[in-house]
Amino acid sequence: MIREKLVHEYRYLVNVSYPYINSLLNNCYINIIDGCLNPVSSPYYYLGIYYAGRNGKEVTVYKNELRKIANNFGMIDVVFINAKRIIRDPASTLKKENPRLWLELYWISSKVTMNLD
């Protein structure tokens, strides 16, 4: 619940600061990833941006701006992950371990956007 609110606030701040980047993030799935070096140390948090393969270059161009906003939220870094690679990886156990995340990534990777310029 708290993580979803943080992601929502992050998206809001990106929308206010960089509206074009926010339109790119509409085709991405954003998640907070936590890690810990050992059980005694305090956890650290990353912001994971799962993108479809076709818009990865567009999103990663603005990585400095996205990292700056994530640092304001206390995140260590922003990690860009290709959702299509995770879904198609035969050794991945994500479908069994976290089926909701797998479905979200499948939905992101299968979205078709049409540029009607």
Protein backbone atom coordinates (compact mmCIF):
# COMPACT_ATOMS: atom_id res chain seq x y z
CA MET A 1 0.00 0.00 0.00
CA ILE A 2 2.75 2.44 0.95
CA ARG A 3 4.80 1.40 -2.07
CA GLU A 4 1.88 2.06 -4.40
CA LYS A 5 1.46 5.53 -2.90
CA LEU A 6 5.17 6.25 -3.36
CA VAL A 7 5.00 5.17 -6.99
CA HIS A 8 1.90 7.33 -7.46
CA GLU A 9 3.66 10.34 -5.92
CA TYR A 10 6.72 9.65 -8.06
CA ARG A 11 4.58 9.63 -11.21
CA TYR A 12 2.89 12.85 -10.10
CA LEU A 13 6.22 14.59 -9.56
CA VAL A 14 7.49 13.39 -12.95
CA ASN A 15 4.29 14.68 -14.55
CA VAL A 16 4.72 18.10 -12.96
CA SER A 17 8.43 18.37 -13.74
CA TYR A 18 8.70 16.58 -17.09
CA PRO A 19 5.36 15.99 -18.85
CA TYR A 20 6.98 14.35 -21.88
CA ILE A 21 8.75 11.79 -19.72
CA ASN A 22 5.47 11.04 -17.97
CA SER A 23 3.88 10.19 -21.32
CA LEU A 24 6.71 7.71 -21.90
CA LEU A 25 6.20 6.21 -18.44
CA ASN A 26 2.57 5.49 -19.27
CA ASN A 27 3.87 2.53 -21.28
CA CYS A 28 6.00 1.27 -18.37
CA TYR A 29 5.44 -0.52 -15.10
CA ILE A 30 7.09 1.11 -12.08
CA ASN A 31 7.89 -0.86 -8.95
CA ILE A 32 9.95 -0.34 -5.81
CA ILE A 33 12.66 -2.98 -5.44
CA ASP A 34 14.22 -3.52 -2.04
CA GLY A 35 17.53 -5.12 -1.22
CA CYS A 36 19.70 -5.86 1.76
CA LEU A 37 23.35 -6.82 2.03
CA ASN A 38 22.88 -8.90 5.17
CA PRO A 39 20.15 -9.39 7.79
CA VAL A 40 21.74 -6.88 10.18
CA SER A 41 22.13 -3.94 7.78
CA SER A 42 19.31 -1.61 6.87
CA PRO A 43 17.51 -2.22 3.58
CA TYR A 44 17.99 -0.02 0.54
CA TYR A 45 15.51 0.72 -2.20
CA TYR A 46 15.66 1.02 -5.96
CA LEU A 47 13.04 2.21 -8.36
CA GLY A 48 12.48 -0.38 -11.06
CA ILE A 49 11.11 0.80 -14.39
CA TYR A 50 10.02 -2.13 -16.53
CA TYR A 51 9.72 -1.09 -20.15
CA ALA A 52 8.69 -2.84 -23.33
CA GLY A 53 11.52 -3.47 -25.74
CA ARG A 54 10.31 -0.94 -28.29
CA ASN A 55 10.44 2.13 -26.04
CA GLY A 56 13.51 1.30 -23.97
CA LYS A 57 15.84 3.74 -25.70
CA GLU A 58 13.38 6.60 -25.33
CA VAL A 59 12.98 6.01 -21.59
CA THR A 60 16.68 5.50 -20.82
CA VAL A 61 17.58 8.79 -22.50
CA TYR A 62 16.01 10.59 -19.52
CA LYS A 63 17.66 8.43 -16.84
CA ASN A 64 19.40 11.37 -15.16
CA GLU A 65 16.14 13.25 -14.67
CA LEU A 66 14.38 10.13 -13.38
CA ARG A 67 17.25 9.39 -10.99
CA LYS A 68 17.21 12.92 -9.63
CA ILE A 69 13.53 12.64 -8.73
CA ALA A 70 14.02 9.14 -7.26
CA ASN A 71 16.85 10.41 -5.05
CA ASN A 72 14.42 12.95 -3.57
CA PHE A 73 12.26 10.00 -2.49
CA GLY A 74 15.19 8.26 -0.80
CA MET A 75 15.85 5.71 -3.53
CA ILE A 76 19.44 4.75 -4.25
CA ASP A 77 19.07 4.44 -8.01
CA VAL A 78 16.71 3.79 -10.89
CA VAL A 79 16.97 0.44 -12.63
CA PHE A 80 15.68 0.01 -16.18
CA ILE A 81 14.54 -3.54 -16.96
CA ASN A 82 13.29 -4.94 -20.27
CA ALA A 83 9.95 -6.62 -19.49
CA LYS A 84 9.90 -8.64 -22.69
CA ARG A 85 13.19 -10.35 -21.81
CA ILE A 86 11.93 -11.37 -18.40
CA ILE A 87 8.73 -12.81 -19.82
CA ARG A 88 10.45 -14.77 -22.57
CA ASP A 89 13.26 -16.10 -20.39
CA PRO A 90 12.74 -19.89 -20.11
CA ALA A 91 14.73 -20.06 -16.85
CA SER A 92 12.66 -17.38 -15.14
CA THR A 93 10.50 -18.49 -12.21
CA LEU A 94 8.67 -15.17 -11.98
CA LYS A 95 5.41 -16.64 -13.28
CA LYS A 96 5.27 -19.07 -10.36
CA GLU A 97 6.71 -16.80 -7.66
CA ASN A 98 4.85 -13.58 -8.46
CA PRO A 99 2.05 -14.15 -11.00
CA ARG A 100 0.62 -10.64 -10.61
CA LEU A 101 3.92 -8.99 -11.53
CA TRP A 102 4.30 -11.43 -14.43
CA LEU A 103 0.85 -10.48 -15.76
CA GLU A 104 1.63 -6.77 -15.41
CA LEU A 105 4.87 -7.22 -17.35
CA TYR A 106 3.11 -9.30 -19.98
CA TRP A 107 0.49 -6.57 -20.38
CA ILE A 108 3.17 -3.86 -20.68
CA SER A 109 5.14 -5.82 -23.26
CA SER A 110 2.10 -6.58 -25.39
CA LYS A 111 0.66 -3.05 -25.52
CA VAL A 112 0.60 -1.65 -29.02
CA THR A 113 0.99 2.07 -29.42
CA MET A 114 0.35 3.77 -32.69
CA ASN A 115 1.94 7.08 -33.58
CA LEU A 116 -0.51 8.97 -35.75
CA ASP A 117 1.50 12.03 -36.65
